[in-house]
C-alpha cells in the first residue's frame, strides 16, 4: 500500500488548517479568520484499503517574538525533517514574492507541490499568472490550484499525492484519525471560540488547559482553565456579569458534544499567569513542548 508523511507549510492564514480538514473529511484543526490560530503540529491519519497518508497541519511560519512562537516554529522544523512530501500552500491573493522567499528559505529535502489556495477569490488571468510564477521555481515539483474552503480540486490534489508516495507498511491502526488525545481537541475547540468571540488582543494572550475529562454514564464532564496574562484580560473573558464566558461555554459545548457524540457538562475557569508565553515551565505545562 502507499504510505507516507505529507506536511503542509505556509504563511499564517494561507488556509493550512482548512486544507487539512478538507483532505481528511473531518474537522481536526480549528480555524478562524485571525492569523496564528494553529499553535501545534496536528496530524490527520487518512487510511483506506490501499493507502495511509499522515497529513500534518503546521503553524504559520513567522519570525518568533517570544518563547511560544519559538515552540511553534520548532514544530515546523520537526515537520520539515520527516516529510515524504511537502505541500507549500499559497493564498493566491497574498504577496507571491514573500511566499517564494519563505519557501526557498525552508531548504526542503523532500519533494514539494505548490498548492495555490483560494482560487475561487481570483480571476482566471491571475490564476494563470500565479501558476506560471511558482511553476518556474526550483522547489516546485508540481502545482495544483484549489479552494480548500469549498473543497474544490481537493480530490485531484489527493490523487497527485498518492502518485508520488512510496509503498510501505502503515504506521497507525486503521481506525486512528490522529495521534493526539481527545483532551487536546476539546481544548482547541474552546480556544477556537475565543478567537471568534473576542477582539484582536485576547486570543493571542490566551490558552486553554483541560484539567478534568471524565466520561460518566450519561455524559462527559469537562473542566478547563482559560489562561491569560493580565487581570484586565480576565475581566474581558468573563464579561459583564459573566455574560461572555457563559456564551463561550455554550458555543464550545455544542461543538464538543458534536465531536464526542454525547452530552457534555463543561465548566470554565479563568486564571491569570503573567507572561506565560515566555515562561518555559508554563509552556510545558500547557502542552507547548
Protein backbone atom coordinates (compact mmCIF):
# COMPACT_ATOMS: atom_id res chain seq x y z
CA UNK A 1 0.00 0.00 0.00
CA UNK A 2 1.04 3.64 -0.45
CA UNK A 3 2.26 5.17 2.83
CA UNK A 4 3.85 8.48 3.75
CA UNK A 5 4.01 11.73 5.69
CA UNK A 6 2.61 14.74 3.84
CA UNK A 7 3.19 18.00 5.68
CA UNK A 8 1.53 21.35 4.94
CA UNK A 9 3.57 24.57 5.18
CA UNK A 10 2.79 28.20 4.52
CA UNK A 11 2.29 31.68 5.88
CA UNK A 12 -0.33 32.41 8.56
CA UNK A 13 -3.87 32.41 7.15
CA UNK A 14 -2.92 30.64 3.92
CA UNK A 15 -5.61 28.05 4.75
CA UNK A 16 -3.47 25.16 6.04
CA UNK A 17 -5.97 24.02 8.68
CA UNK A 18 -8.88 24.30 6.25
CA UNK A 19 -6.95 22.19 3.74
CA UNK A 20 -6.17 19.52 6.35
CA UNK A 21 -9.85 19.32 7.27
CA UNK A 22 -10.85 19.11 3.59
CA UNK A 23 -8.36 16.32 2.89
CA UNK A 24 -9.46 14.38 5.96
CA UNK A 25 -13.19 14.95 5.54
CA UNK A 26 -13.17 15.68 9.30
CA UNK A 27 -12.65 18.83 11.36
CA UNK A 28 -9.40 18.12 13.17
CA UNK A 29 -7.81 21.56 13.11
CA UNK A 30 -9.52 24.68 14.43
CA UNK A 31 -9.88 27.59 12.04
CA UNK A 32 -10.54 31.31 12.38
CA UNK A 33 -10.11 34.44 10.27
CA UNK A 34 -7.26 35.53 12.58
CA UNK A 35 -3.62 34.65 11.94
CA UNK A 36 -1.64 32.23 14.14
CA UNK A 37 -4.72 30.21 15.13
CA UNK A 38 -2.69 26.97 14.82
CA UNK A 39 -0.03 26.57 17.51
CA UNK A 40 0.68 22.84 17.35
CA UNK A 41 1.53 20.31 14.70
CA UNK A 42 -1.70 18.41 14.14
CA UNK A 43 -1.57 15.05 12.37
CA UNK A 44 -4.50 13.65 10.47
CA UNK A 45 -4.30 9.97 9.52
CA UNK A 46 -6.19 9.11 6.34
CA UNK A 47 -6.40 5.33 5.87
CA UNK A 48 -8.05 3.47 3.03
CA UNK A 49 -7.64 -0.07 1.69
CA UNK A 50 -4.62 0.74 -0.46
CA UNK A 51 -3.02 3.73 1.29
CA UNK A 52 -2.32 5.52 4.55
CA UNK A 53 -1.39 9.21 4.42
CA UNK A 54 -0.33 11.03 7.56
CA UNK A 55 -1.08 14.71 6.90
CA UNK A 56 0.35 17.39 9.19
CA UNK A 57 -1.02 20.88 9.67
CA UNK A 58 1.76 23.15 10.95
CA UNK A 59 1.76 26.65 12.48
CA UNK A 60 2.08 29.52 10.05
CA UNK A 61 5.73 30.45 9.52
CA UNK A 62 6.61 33.65 11.37
CA UNK A 63 9.57 35.45 12.93
CA UNK A 64 9.42 34.45 16.65
CA UNK A 65 8.80 37.26 19.15
CA UNK A 66 8.56 35.17 22.34
CA UNK A 67 9.05 31.59 23.54
CA UNK A 68 5.59 30.41 22.44
CA UNK A 69 6.47 31.48 18.89
CA UNK A 70 9.77 29.61 19.19
CA UNK A 71 7.89 26.44 20.17
CA UNK A 72 5.58 26.89 17.20
CA UNK A 73 8.50 27.25 14.79
CA UNK A 74 10.15 24.17 16.30
CA UNK A 75 7.01 22.24 15.32
CA UNK A 76 7.55 23.50 11.76
CA UNK A 77 11.21 22.42 11.77
CA UNK A 78 10.28 18.95 13.06
CA UNK A 79 7.75 18.64 10.24
CA UNK A 80 10.43 19.51 7.68
CA UNK A 81 12.56 16.61 8.90
CA UNK A 82 10.07 13.76 8.42
CA UNK A 83 8.14 14.88 5.33
CA UNK A 84 7.95 12.48 2.39
CA UNK A 85 6.17 15.28 0.55
CA UNK A 86 5.68 18.97 1.37
CA UNK A 87 2.57 20.86 0.36
CA UNK A 88 3.54 24.53 0.08
CA UNK A 89 0.28 26.40 0.46
CA UNK A 90 -0.12 29.88 -1.02
CA UNK A 91 -3.06 32.24 -0.67
CA UNK A 92 -3.23 33.32 -4.32
CA UNK A 93 -4.16 36.86 -3.25
CA UNK A 94 -1.13 37.17 -0.95
CA UNK A 95 2.29 38.54 -1.92
CA UNK A 96 3.87 35.93 -4.21
CA UNK A 97 7.43 37.18 -3.74
CA UNK A 98 7.16 36.87 0.06
CA UNK A 99 5.88 33.32 -0.27
CA UNK A 100 8.69 32.48 -2.69
CA UNK A 101 11.33 33.79 -0.27
CA UNK A 102 9.78 31.83 2.59
CA UNK A 103 9.68 28.56 0.63
CA UNK A 104 13.23 28.98 -0.67
CA UNK A 105 14.45 29.57 2.90
CA UNK A 106 12.97 26.25 4.05
CA UNK A 107 15.69 24.39 2.10
CA UNK A 108 13.42 21.41 1.63
CA UNK A 109 14.93 17.94 1.46
CA UNK A 110 11.66 16.41 0.31
CA UNK A 111 9.81 16.97 -2.98
CA UNK A 112 7.20 19.72 -2.85
CA UNK A 113 3.91 20.61 -4.50
CA UNK A 114 2.81 24.21 -4.71
CA UNK A 115 -0.87 24.40 -3.76
CA UNK A 116 -2.48 27.66 -4.86
CA UNK A 117 -5.39 28.20 -2.49
CA UNK A 118 -8.43 30.50 -2.52
CA UNK A 119 -8.58 30.41 -6.32
CA UNK A 120 -12.34 30.95 -6.05
CA UNK A 121 -11.44 34.50 -4.98
CA UNK A 122 -9.28 35.26 -8.03
CA UNK A 123 -9.96 35.69 -11.75
CA UNK A 124 -8.67 33.23 -14.34
CA UNK A 125 -5.85 35.54 -15.52
CA UNK A 126 -4.45 35.79 -12.00
CA UNK A 127 -4.54 32.01 -11.57
CA UNK A 128 -2.60 31.58 -14.82
CA UNK A 129 -0.05 34.22 -13.81
CA UNK A 130 0.46 32.76 -10.31
CA UNK A 131 0.78 29.25 -11.73
CA UNK A 132 3.50 30.41 -14.12
CA UNK A 133 5.33 32.27 -11.35
CA UNK A 134 5.51 29.33 -8.93
CA UNK A 135 5.91 26.54 -11.51
CA UNK A 136 9.24 28.07 -12.51
CA UNK A 137 10.70 27.75 -9.00
CA UNK A 138 13.27 25.05 -8.27
CA UNK A 139 11.39 23.76 -5.20
CA UNK A 140 8.15 23.19 -7.17
CA UNK A 141 7.80 19.63 -8.43
CA UNK A 142 4.12 20.04 -9.35
CA UNK A 143 1.44 22.69 -8.93
CA UNK A 144 -2.27 22.39 -8.24
CA UNK A 145 -4.97 25.02 -7.73
CA UNK A 146 -7.64 24.52 -5.05
CA UNK A 147 -10.23 26.17 -2.90
CA UNK A 148 -9.78 24.39 0.42
CA UNK A 149 -12.86 26.08 1.89
CA UNK A 150 -15.10 24.88 -0.94
CA UNK A 151 -13.13 21.61 -1.33
CA UNK A 152 -12.66 22.45 -4.99
CA UNK A 153 -10.00 20.28 -6.71
CA UNK A 154 -9.01 18.70 -3.36
CA UNK A 155 -9.67 15.18 -4.76
CA UNK A 156 -7.22 15.94 -7.58
CA UNK A 157 -4.60 17.03 -5.03
CA UNK A 158 -5.12 13.74 -3.19
CA UNK A 159 -4.59 11.80 -6.44
CA UNK A 160 -1.34 13.69 -7.08
CA UNK A 161 -0.12 12.94 -3.55
CA UNK A 162 -0.81 9.21 -3.96
CA UNK A 163 1.05 9.10 -7.27
CA UNK A 164 4.23 10.25 -5.51
CA UNK A 165 4.13 8.37 -2.19
CA UNK A 166 6.21 5.18 -1.77
CA UNK A 167 4.88 1.75 -0.89
CA UNK A 168 5.30 0.56 2.68
CA UNK A 169 3.68 -0.64 5.89
CA UNK A 170 1.15 1.58 7.70
CA UNK A 171 2.34 3.50 10.76
CA UNK A 172 -1.04 3.57 12.53
CA UNK A 173 -4.07 1.34 13.07
CA UNK A 174 -6.87 1.58 10.52
CA UNK A 175 -9.28 3.37 12.87
CA UNK A 176 -6.80 6.04 14.08
CA UNK A 177 -7.65 9.56 12.89
CA UNK A 178 -4.85 11.30 14.77
CA UNK A 179 -2.07 10.66 17.28
CA UNK A 180 -3.33 13.35 19.67
CA UNK A 181 -5.61 12.67 22.68
CA UNK A 182 -9.27 13.71 22.78
CA UNK A 183 -8.46 16.22 25.54
CA UNK A 184 -6.27 18.13 23.11
CA UNK A 185 -9.12 18.66 20.65
CA UNK A 186 -11.52 19.68 23.43
CA UNK A 187 -9.07 22.39 24.49
CA UNK A 188 -8.66 23.51 20.89
CA UNK A 189 -12.43 23.82 20.41
CA UNK A 190 -12.64 26.11 23.43
CA UNK A 191 -9.69 28.14 22.13
CA UNK A 192 -11.34 28.44 18.71
CA UNK A 193 -14.35 30.14 20.31
CA UNK A 194 -12.00 32.64 21.99
CA UNK A 195 -10.73 33.61 18.53
CA UNK A 196 -14.27 34.22 17.29
CA UNK A 197 -15.79 35.91 20.35
CA UNK A 198 -13.06 38.30 21.46
CA UNK A 199 -11.08 41.14 19.92
CA UNK A 200 -7.67 41.09 18.32
CA UNK A 201 -5.58 41.01 21.51
CA UNK A 202 -7.23 38.37 23.70
CA UNK A 203 -6.82 35.22 21.52
CA UNK A 204 -3.04 35.69 21.31
CA UNK A 205 -2.69 36.14 25.08
CA UNK A 206 -4.89 33.16 25.95
CA UNK A 207 -4.54 29.39 26.01
CA UNK A 208 -6.69 26.54 27.34
CA UNK A 209 -5.74 23.73 29.69
CA UNK A 210 -8.20 20.85 30.15
CA UNK A 211 -7.90 19.87 33.82
CA UNK A 212 -10.61 17.22 34.01
CA UNK A 213 -12.10 14.87 31.41
CA UNK A 214 -14.37 12.22 32.92
CA UNK A 215 -16.65 10.01 30.87
CA UNK A 216 -19.64 9.22 33.06
CA UNK A 217 -22.62 7.02 32.25
CA UNK A 218 -24.84 9.71 30.76
CA UNK A 219 -22.39 12.48 29.89
CA UNK A 220 -18.77 13.63 29.81
CA UNK A 221 -17.66 16.08 32.50
CA UNK A 222 -15.01 18.57 31.39
CA UNK A 223 -13.29 21.23 33.44
CA UNK A 224 -10.94 23.62 31.69
CA UNK A 225 -8.85 26.65 32.61
CA UNK A 226 -8.53 29.60 30.27
CA UNK A 227 -5.11 31.12 30.88
CA UNK A 228 -4.48 34.83 30.26
CA UNK A 229 -1.61 37.18 31.09
CA UNK A 230 -3.33 40.09 32.88
CA UNK A 231 -6.25 40.74 35.21
CA UNK A 232 -7.80 43.09 32.64
CA UNK A 233 -7.85 40.22 30.14
CA UNK A 234 -9.57 38.02 32.71
CA UNK A 235 -12.30 40.65 33.02
CA UNK A 236 -12.78 40.73 29.25
CA UNK A 237 -13.03 36.92 29.06
CA UNK A 238 -15.63 36.89 31.83
CA UNK A 239 -17.61 39.87 30.52
CA UNK A 240 -20.10 41.92 32.49
CA UNK A 241 -21.86 39.66 34.97
CA UNK A 242 -20.13 36.63 33.43
CA UNK A 243 -22.06 37.13 30.18
CA UNK A 244 -19.18 36.45 27.79
CA UNK A 245 -17.82 33.31 29.44
CA UNK A 246 -21.34 31.87 29.51
CA UNK A 247 -21.61 32.44 25.77
CA UNK A 248 -18.15 30.97 25.28
CA UNK A 249 -19.10 27.89 27.28
CA UNK A 250 -22.37 27.40 25.39
CA UNK A 251 -20.75 27.71 21.96
CA UNK A 252 -17.83 25.45 22.86
CA UNK A 253 -20.07 22.82 24.48
CA UNK A 254 -22.13 22.47 21.29
CA UNK A 255 -19.04 21.75 19.23
CA UNK A 256 -17.59 19.37 21.82
CA UNK A 257 -20.88 17.43 22.03
CA UNK A 258 -20.93 17.07 18.24
CA UNK A 259 -17.27 15.94 18.29
CA UNK A 260 -17.75 13.40 21.10
CA UNK A 261 -21.25 12.29 20.08
CA UNK A 262 -22.59 12.60 23.63
CA UNK A 263 -23.80 15.12 26.22
CA UNK A 264 -21.18 17.30 27.89
CA UNK A 265 -21.08 19.18 31.18
CA UNK A 266 -18.49 21.96 30.69
CA UNK A 267 -17.00 24.13 33.43
CA UNK A 268 -14.70 27.01 32.51
CA UNK A 269 -12.42 28.97 34.82
CA UNK A 270 -10.14 31.93 34.02
CA UNK A 271 -6.67 32.14 35.54
CA UNK A 272 -4.01 34.82 35.27
CA UNK A 273 -0.42 33.70 34.62
CA UNK A 274 1.75 36.77 33.89
CA UNK A 275 4.00 36.38 30.82
CA UNK A 276 3.08 32.72 30.38
CA UNK A 277 4.04 32.91 26.68
CA UNK A 278 7.67 33.47 27.69
CA UNK A 279 7.79 31.04 30.62
CA UNK A 280 9.27 27.61 29.82
CA UNK A 281 7.59 25.93 32.82
CA UNK A 282 4.13 27.27 31.94
CA UNK A 283 4.58 26.44 28.24
CA UNK A 284 5.48 22.82 29.05
CA UNK A 285 2.52 22.56 31.43
CA UNK A 286 0.16 23.86 28.73
CA UNK A 287 1.37 21.34 26.16
CA UNK A 288 3.78 23.50 24.16
CA UNK A 289 6.77 21.18 24.36
